[in-house]
């Protein structure tokens, strides 16, 4: 039994519609349960934070063809 592996496909965030981009970011934020410290942030604030990271090139969207899933990952 061989495990299928492939490199994730980088999805330029600018190529997504505004609705699709927000859906990807919301899914990531809700799934990650990101800890932002002592202050609570609204969903809109968290989405804006991730969007800024994408705009600055600090994060990117990746599609995994094997699992057919999309994720936001930090760029090292």
PDB file of N, CA and C in Angstrom:
ATOM      1  N   UNK A   1       0.847  -1.177   0.000  1.00  0.00           N
ATOM      2  CA  UNK A   1       0.000   0.000   0.000  1.00  0.00           C
ATOM      3  C   UNK A   1       0.888   1.234   0.000  1.00  0.00           C
ATOM      4  N   UNK A   2       0.761   2.061  -1.009  1.00  0.00           N
ATOM      5  CA  UNK A   2       1.577   3.267  -1.079  1.00  0.00           C
ATOM      6  C   UNK A   2       0.721   4.470  -0.723  1.00  0.00           C
ATOM      7  N   UNK A   3       1.319   5.366   0.032  1.00  0.00           N
ATOM      8  CA  UNK A   3       0.620   6.573   0.442  1.00  0.00           C
ATOM      9  C   UNK A   3       0.881   7.654  -0.593  1.00  0.00           C
ATOM     10  N   UNK A   4      -0.191   8.161  -1.177  1.00  0.00           N
ATOM     11  CA  UNK A   4      -0.065   9.189  -2.204  1.00  0.00           C
ATOM     12  C   UNK A   4       0.314  10.513  -1.551  1.00  0.00           C
ATOM     13  N   UNK A   5       1.352  11.152  -2.074  1.00  0.00           N
ATOM     14  CA  UNK A   5       1.812  12.444  -1.554  1.00  0.00           C
ATOM     15  C   UNK A   5       2.075  13.368  -2.719  1.00  0.00           C
ATOM     16  N   UNK A   6       1.740  14.616  -2.547  1.00  0.00           N
ATOM     17  CA  UNK A   6       2.057  15.611  -3.551  1.00  0.00           C
ATOM     18  C   UNK A   6       2.261  16.944  -2.855  1.00  0.00           C
ATOM     19  N   UNK A   7       2.939  17.823  -3.532  1.00  0.00           N
ATOM     20  CA  UNK A   7       3.153  19.162  -2.993  1.00  0.00           C
ATOM     21  C   UNK A   7       1.835  19.921  -3.059  1.00  0.00           C
ATOM     22  N   UNK A   8       1.556  20.733  -2.044  1.00  0.00           N
ATOM     23  CA  UNK A   8       0.330  21.528  -2.099  1.00  0.00           C
ATOM     24  C   UNK A   8       0.418  22.564  -3.221  1.00  0.00           C
ATOM     25  N   UNK A   9      -0.731  22.933  -3.724  1.00  0.00           N
ATOM     26  CA  UNK A   9      -0.824  23.943  -4.773  1.00  0.00           C
ATOM     27  C   UNK A   9      -1.056  25.291  -4.102  1.00  0.00           C
ATOM     28  N   UNK A  10      -0.194  26.250  -4.414  1.00  0.00           N
ATOM     29  CA  UNK A  10      -0.352  27.593  -3.850  1.00  0.00           C
ATOM     30  C   UNK A  10      -1.437  28.308  -4.644  1.00  0.00           C
ATOM     31  N   UNK A  11      -2.418  28.835  -3.916  1.00  0.00           N
ATOM     32  CA  UNK A  11      -3.538  29.540  -4.537  1.00  0.00           C
ATOM     33  C   UNK A  11      -3.373  31.032  -4.263  1.00  0.00           C
ATOM     34  N   UNK A  12      -3.083  31.829  -5.295  1.00  0.00           N
ATOM     35  CA  UNK A  12      -2.963  33.276  -5.078  1.00  0.00           C
ATOM     36  C   UNK A  12      -4.298  33.835  -4.570  1.00  0.00           C
ATOM     37  N   UNK A  13      -4.269  34.466  -3.415  1.00  0.00           N
ATOM     38  CA  UNK A  13      -5.513  34.930  -2.805  1.00  0.00           C
ATOM     39  C   UNK A  13      -6.239  35.933  -3.683  1.00  0.00           C
ATOM     40  N   UNK A  14      -5.504  36.670  -4.497  1.00  0.00           N
ATOM     41  CA  UNK A  14      -6.119  37.676  -5.380  1.00  0.00           C
ATOM     42  C   UNK A  14      -6.956  37.043  -6.488  1.00  0.00           C
ATOM     43  N   UNK A  15      -6.732  35.752  -6.743  1.00  0.00           N
ATOM     44  CA  UNK A  15      -7.482  35.077  -7.803  1.00  0.00           C
ATOM     45  C   UNK A  15      -8.820  34.530  -7.315  1.00  0.00           C
ATOM     46  N   UNK A  16      -9.070  34.609  -6.011  1.00  0.00           N
ATOM     47  CA  UNK A  16     -10.346  34.158  -5.468  1.00  0.00           C
ATOM     48  C   UNK A  16     -11.334  35.314  -5.445  1.00  0.00           C
ATOM     49  N   UNK A  17     -12.606  34.992  -5.583  1.00  0.00           N
ATOM     50  CA  UNK A  17     -13.627  36.028  -5.426  1.00  0.00           C
ATOM     51  C   UNK A  17     -13.620  36.471  -3.966  1.00  0.00           C
ATOM     52  N   UNK A  18     -14.173  37.637  -3.697  1.00  0.00           N
ATOM     53  CA  UNK A  18     -14.227  38.144  -2.321  1.00  0.00           C
ATOM     54  C   UNK A  18     -14.958  37.164  -1.411  1.00  0.00           C
ATOM     55  N   UNK A  19     -16.031  36.558  -1.913  1.00  0.00           N
ATOM     56  CA  UNK A  19     -16.803  35.595  -1.110  1.00  0.00           C
ATOM     57  C   UNK A  19     -15.991  34.336  -0.821  1.00  0.00           C
ATOM     58  N   UNK A  20     -15.315  33.819  -1.843  1.00  0.00           N
ATOM     59  CA  UNK A  20     -14.518  32.602  -1.659  1.00  0.00           C
ATOM     60  C   UNK A  20     -13.360  32.857  -0.699  1.00  0.00           C
ATOM     61  N   UNK A  21     -12.698  34.003  -0.860  1.00  0.00           N
ATOM     62  CA  UNK A  21     -11.579  34.341   0.017  1.00  0.00           C
ATOM     63  C   UNK A  21     -12.042  34.429   1.463  1.00  0.00           C
ATOM     64  N   UNK A  22     -13.150  35.126   1.700  1.00  0.00           N
ATOM     65  CA  UNK A  22     -13.661  35.242   3.068  1.00  0.00           C
ATOM     66  C   UNK A  22     -14.019  33.858   3.616  1.00  0.00           C
ATOM     67  N   UNK A  23     -14.604  33.005   2.790  1.00  0.00           N
ATOM     68  CA  UNK A  23     -14.951  31.651   3.231  1.00  0.00           C
ATOM     69  C   UNK A  23     -13.730  30.849   3.642  1.00  0.00           C
ATOM     70  N   UNK A  24     -12.665  30.941   2.862  1.00  0.00           N
ATOM     71  CA  UNK A  24     -11.426  30.231   3.185  1.00  0.00           C
ATOM     72  C   UNK A  24     -10.849  30.754   4.497  1.00  0.00           C
ATOM     73  N   UNK A  25     -10.795  32.074   4.636  1.00  0.00           N
ATOM     74  CA  UNK A  25     -10.224  32.669   5.853  1.00  0.00           C
ATOM     75  C   UNK A  25     -11.083  32.353   7.068  1.00  0.00           C
ATOM     76  N   UNK A  26     -12.411  32.474   6.947  1.00  0.00           N
ATOM     77  CA  UNK A  26     -13.300  32.165   8.074  1.00  0.00           C
ATOM     78  C   UNK A  26     -13.137  30.714   8.502  1.00  0.00           C
ATOM     79  N   UNK A  27     -13.085  29.814   7.533  1.00  0.00           N
ATOM     80  CA  UNK A  27     -12.914  28.396   7.844  1.00  0.00           C
ATOM     81  C   UNK A  27     -11.614  28.172   8.614  1.00  0.00           C
ATOM     82  N   UNK A  28     -10.553  28.814   8.168  1.00  0.00           N
ATOM     83  CA  UNK A  28      -9.252  28.699   8.841  1.00  0.00           C
ATOM     84  C   UNK A  28      -9.326  29.236  10.267  1.00  0.00           C
ATOM     85  N   UNK A  29      -9.879  30.433  10.423  1.00  0.00           N
ATOM     86  CA  UNK A  29      -9.942  31.074  11.741  1.00  0.00           C
ATOM     87  C   UNK A  29     -10.777  30.230  12.705  1.00  0.00           C
ATOM     88  N   UNK A  30     -11.911  29.744  12.243  1.00  0.00           N
ATOM     89  CA  UNK A  30     -12.788  28.951  13.117  1.00  0.00           C
ATOM     90  C   UNK A  30     -12.173  27.600  13.451  1.00  0.00           C
ATOM     91  N   UNK A  31     -11.479  27.013  12.504  1.00  0.00           N
ATOM     92  CA  UNK A  31     -10.850  25.695  12.711  1.00  0.00           C
ATOM     93  C   UNK A  31      -9.644  25.802  13.637  1.00  0.00           C
ATOM     94  N   UNK A  32      -8.862  26.859  13.477  1.00  0.00           N
ATOM     95  CA  UNK A  32      -7.632  27.006  14.246  1.00  0.00           C
ATOM     96  C   UNK A  32      -7.875  27.398  15.694  1.00  0.00           C
ATOM     97  N   UNK A  33      -8.969  28.084  15.971  1.00  0.00           N
ATOM     98  CA  UNK A  33      -9.202  28.541  17.333  1.00  0.00           C
ATOM     99  C   UNK A  33      -8.045  29.381  17.831  1.00  0.00           C
ATOM    100  N   UNK A  34      -7.550  30.234  16.971  1.00  0.00           N
ATOM    101  CA  UNK A  34      -6.348  31.020  17.238  1.00  0.00           C
ATOM    102  C   UNK A  34      -6.457  31.809  18.533  1.00  0.00           C
ATOM    103  N   UNK A  35      -5.407  31.765  19.334  1.00  0.00           N
ATOM    104  CA  UNK A  35      -5.338  32.519  20.586  1.00  0.00           C
ATOM    105  C   UNK A  35      -4.685  33.861  20.302  1.00  0.00           C
ATOM    106  N   UNK A  36      -5.412  34.926  20.545  1.00  0.00           N
ATOM    107  CA  UNK A  36      -4.912  36.262  20.276  1.00  0.00           C
ATOM    108  C   UNK A  36      -4.496  36.978  21.557  1.00  0.00           C
ATOM    109  N   UNK A  37      -4.335  36.252  22.639  1.00  0.00           N
ATOM    110  CA  UNK A  37      -3.907  36.880  23.888  1.00  0.00           C
ATOM    111  C   UNK A  37      -5.082  37.208  24.779  1.00  0.00           C
ATOM    112  N   UNK A  38      -4.902  38.238  25.592  1.00  0.00           N
ATOM    113  CA  UNK A  38      -5.910  38.581  26.583  1.00  0.00           C
ATOM    114  C   UNK A  38      -7.180  39.157  25.970  1.00  0.00           C
ATOM    115  N   UNK A  39      -7.057  39.908  24.901  1.00  0.00           N
ATOM    116  CA  UNK A  39      -8.213  40.559  24.286  1.00  0.00           C
ATOM    117  C   UNK A  39      -8.949  39.594  23.375  1.00  0.00           C
ATOM    118  N   UNK A  40     -10.267  39.626  23.436  1.00  0.00           N
ATOM    119  CA  UNK A  40     -11.091  38.837  22.520  1.00  0.00           C
ATOM    120  C   UNK A  40     -11.286  39.624  21.237  1.00  0.00           C
ATOM    121  N   UNK A  41     -11.198  38.961  20.106  1.00  0.00           N
ATOM    122  CA  UNK A  41     -11.394  39.593  18.806  1.00  0.00           C
ATOM    123  C   UNK A  41     -12.623  38.997  18.140  1.00  0.00           C
ATOM    124  N   UNK A  42     -13.347  39.830  17.404  1.00  0.00           N
ATOM    125  CA  UNK A  42     -14.511  39.352  16.665  1.00  0.00           C
ATOM    126  C   UNK A  42     -14.039  38.547  15.458  1.00  0.00           C
ATOM    127  N   UNK A  43     -14.962  37.818  14.875  1.00  0.00           N
ATOM    128  CA  UNK A  43     -14.639  37.060  13.674  1.00  0.00           C
ATOM    129  C   UNK A  43     -14.156  37.998  12.570  1.00  0.00           C
ATOM    130  N   UNK A  44     -14.820  39.146  12.410  1.00  0.00           N
ATOM    131  CA  UNK A  44     -14.402  40.111  11.386  1.00  0.00           C
ATOM    132  C   UNK A  44     -12.979  40.601  11.619  1.00  0.00           C
ATOM    133  N   UNK A  45     -12.618  40.839  12.873  1.00  0.00           N
ATOM    134  CA  UNK A  45     -11.251  41.293  13.184  1.00  0.00           C
ATOM    135  C   UNK A  45     -10.235  40.203  12.880  1.00  0.00           C
ATOM    136  N   UNK A  46     -10.569  38.965  13.203  1.00  0.00           N
ATOM    137  CA  UNK A  46      -9.655  37.851  12.918  1.00  0.00           C
ATOM    138  C   UNK A  46      -9.481  37.658  11.418  1.00  0.00           C
ATOM    139  N   UNK A  47     -10.583  37.768  10.668  1.00  0.00           N
ATOM    140  CA  UNK A  47     -10.513  37.646   9.212  1.00  0.00           C
ATOM    141  C   UNK A  47      -9.630  38.751   8.645  1.00  0.00           C
ATOM    142  N   UNK A  48      -9.810  39.981   9.123  1.00  0.00           N
ATOM    143  CA  UNK A  48      -8.998  41.108   8.650  1.00  0.00           C
ATOM    144  C   UNK A  48      -7.521  40.885   8.958  1.00  0.00           C
ATOM    145  N   UNK A  49      -7.232  40.318  10.124  1.00  0.00           N
ATOM    146  CA  UNK A  49      -5.845  40.041  10.527  1.00  0.00           C
ATOM    147  C   UNK A  49      -5.201  39.055   9.543  1.00  0.00           C
ATOM    148  N   UNK A  50      -5.907  37.970   9.227  1.00  0.00           N
ATOM    149  CA  UNK A  50      -5.366  36.970   8.294  1.00  0.00           C
ATOM    150  C   UNK A  50      -5.234  37.568   6.899  1.00  0.00           C
ATOM    151  N   UNK A  51      -6.200  38.376   6.487  1.00  0.00           N
ATOM    152  CA  UNK A  51      -6.120  39.017   5.178  1.00  0.00           C
ATOM    153  C   UNK A  51      -4.884  39.903   5.081  1.00  0.00           C
ATOM    154  N   UNK A  52      -4.591  40.649   6.131  1.00  0.00           N
ATOM    155  CA  UNK A  52      -3.374  41.486   6.131  1.00  0.00           C
ATOM    156  C   UNK A  52      -2.124  40.618   6.005  1.00  0.00           C
ATOM    157  N   UNK A  53      -2.112  39.461   6.667  1.00  0.00           N
ATOM    158  CA  UNK A  53      -0.963  38.556   6.546  1.00  0.00           C
ATOM    159  C   UNK A  53      -0.809  38.067   5.105  1.00  0.00           C
ATOM    160  N   UNK A  54      -1.921  37.770   4.453  1.00  0.00           N
ATOM    161  CA  UNK A  54      -1.863  37.358   3.048  1.00  0.00           C
ATOM    162  C   UNK A  54      -1.338  38.495   2.178  1.00  0.00           C
ATOM    163  N   UNK A  55      -1.827  39.699   2.410  1.00  0.00           N
ATOM    164  CA  UNK A  55      -1.407  40.858   1.620  1.00  0.00           C
ATOM    165  C   UNK A  55       0.081  41.158   1.791  1.00  0.00           C
ATOM    166  N   UNK A  56       0.608  40.951   2.990  1.00  0.00           N
ATOM    167  CA  UNK A  56       2.024  41.226   3.261  1.00  0.00           C
ATOM    168  C   UNK A  56       2.929  40.056   2.873  1.00  0.00           C
ATOM    169  N   UNK A  57       2.347  38.960   2.418  1.00  0.00           N
ATOM    170  CA  UNK A  57       3.149  37.800   2.040  1.00  0.00           C
ATOM    171  C   UNK A  57       3.620  36.977   3.224  1.00  0.00           C
ATOM    172  N   UNK A  58       3.031  37.190   4.394  1.00  0.00           N
ATOM    173  CA  UNK A  58       3.403  36.446   5.598  1.00  0.00           C
ATOM    174  C   UNK A  58       2.650  35.117   5.689  1.00  0.00           C
ATOM    175  N   UNK A  59       1.614  34.972   4.892  1.00  0.00           N
ATOM    176  CA  UNK A  59       0.820  33.746   4.854  1.00  0.00           C
ATOM    177  C   UNK A  59       0.395  33.514   3.410  1.00  0.00           C
ATOM    178  N   UNK A  60      -0.010  32.291   3.126  1.00  0.00           N
ATOM    179  CA  UNK A  60      -0.510  31.975   1.792  1.00  0.00           C
ATOM    180  C   UNK A  60      -1.582  30.894   1.905  1.00  0.00           C
ATOM    181  N   UNK A  61      -2.348  30.765   0.835  1.00  0.00           N
ATOM    182  CA  UNK A  61      -3.394  29.752   0.780  1.00  0.00           C
ATOM    183  C   UNK A  61      -2.847  28.574  -0.014  1.00  0.00           C
ATOM    184  N   UNK A  62      -3.031  27.375   0.522  1.00  0.00           N
ATOM    185  CA  UNK A  62      -2.567  26.162  -0.150  1.00  0.00           C
ATOM    186  C   UNK A  62      -3.730  25.181  -0.296  1.00  0.00           C
ATOM    187  N   UNK A  63      -3.763  24.510  -1.450  1.00  0.00           N
ATOM    188  CA  UNK A  63      -4.740  23.464  -1.722  1.00  0.00           C
ATOM    189  C   UNK A  63      -4.009  22.137  -1.757  1.00  0.00           C
ATOM    190  N   UNK A  64      -4.501  21.171  -0.991  1.00  0.00           N
ATOM    191  CA  UNK A  64      -3.931  19.818  -0.969  1.00  0.00           C
ATOM    192  C   UNK A  64      -4.833  18.927  -1.813  1.00  0.00           C
ATOM    193  N   UNK A  65      -4.331  18.506  -2.970  1.00  0.00           N
ATOM    194  CA  UNK A  65      -5.128  17.707  -3.904  1.00  0.00           C
ATOM    195  C   UNK A  65      -5.454  16.325  -3.347  1.00  0.00           C
ATOM    196  N   UNK A  66      -4.587  15.787  -2.495  1.00  0.00           N
ATOM    197  CA  UNK A  66      -4.811  14.456  -1.940  1.00  0.00           C
ATOM    198  C   UNK A  66      -6.007  14.469  -0.990  1.00  0.00           C
ATOM    199  N   UNK A  67      -6.029  15.446  -0.099  1.00  0.00           N
ATOM    200  CA  UNK A  67      -7.125  15.530   0.877  1.00  0.00           C
ATOM    201  C   UNK A  67      -8.257  16.435   0.402  1.00  0.00           C
ATOM    202  N   UNK A  68      -8.032  17.102  -0.740  1.00  0.00           N
ATOM    203  CA  UNK A  68      -8.995  18.058  -1.282  1.00  0.00           C
ATOM    204  C   UNK A  68      -9.391  19.098  -0.251  1.00  0.00           C
ATOM    205  N   UNK A  69      -8.366  19.642   0.415  1.00  0.00           N
ATOM    206  CA  UNK A  69      -8.611  20.649   1.455  1.00  0.00           C
ATOM    207  C   UNK A  69      -7.778  21.890   1.188  1.00  0.00           C
ATOM    208  N   UNK A  70      -8.255  22.990   1.748  1.00  0.00           N
ATOM    209  CA  UNK A  70      -7.591  24.281   1.612  1.00  0.00           C
ATOM    210  C   UNK A  70      -7.175  24.737   2.999  1.00  0.00           C
ATOM    211  N   UNK A  71      -5.989  25.351   3.086  1.00  0.00           N
ATOM    212  CA  UNK A  71      -5.508  25.834   4.367  1.00  0.00           C
ATOM    213  C   UNK A  71      -4.750  27.135   4.162  1.00  0.00           C
ATOM    214  N   UNK A  72      -4.663  27.902   5.224  1.00  0.00           N
ATOM    215  CA  UNK A  72      -3.833  29.106   5.250  1.00  0.00           C
ATOM    216  C   UNK A  72      -2.607  28.747   6.066  1.00  0.00           C
ATOM    217  N   UNK A  73      -1.430  28.970   5.504  1.00  0.00           N
ATOM    218  CA  UNK A  73      -0.191  28.624   6.203  1.00  0.00           C
ATOM    219  C   UNK A  73       0.725  29.838   6.263  1.00  0.00           C
ATOM    220  N   UNK A  74       1.502  29.905   7.332  1.00  0.00           N
ATOM    221  CA  UNK A  74       2.495  30.966   7.462  1.00  0.00           C
ATOM    222  C   UNK A  74       3.645  30.698   6.521  1.00  0.00           C
ATOM    223  N   UNK A  75       4.183  31.751   5.945  1.00  0.00           N
ATOM    224  CA  UNK A  75       5.349  31.650   5.074  1.00  0.00           C
ATOM    225  C   UNK A  75       6.570  31.882   5.947  1.00  0.00           C
ATOM    226  N   UNK A  76       7.526  30.994   5.836  1.00  0.00           N
ATOM    227  CA  UNK A  76       8.735  31.115   6.664  1.00  0.00           C
ATOM    228  C   UNK A  76       9.783  31.917   5.993  1.00  0.00           C
TER     229      UNK A  76
END
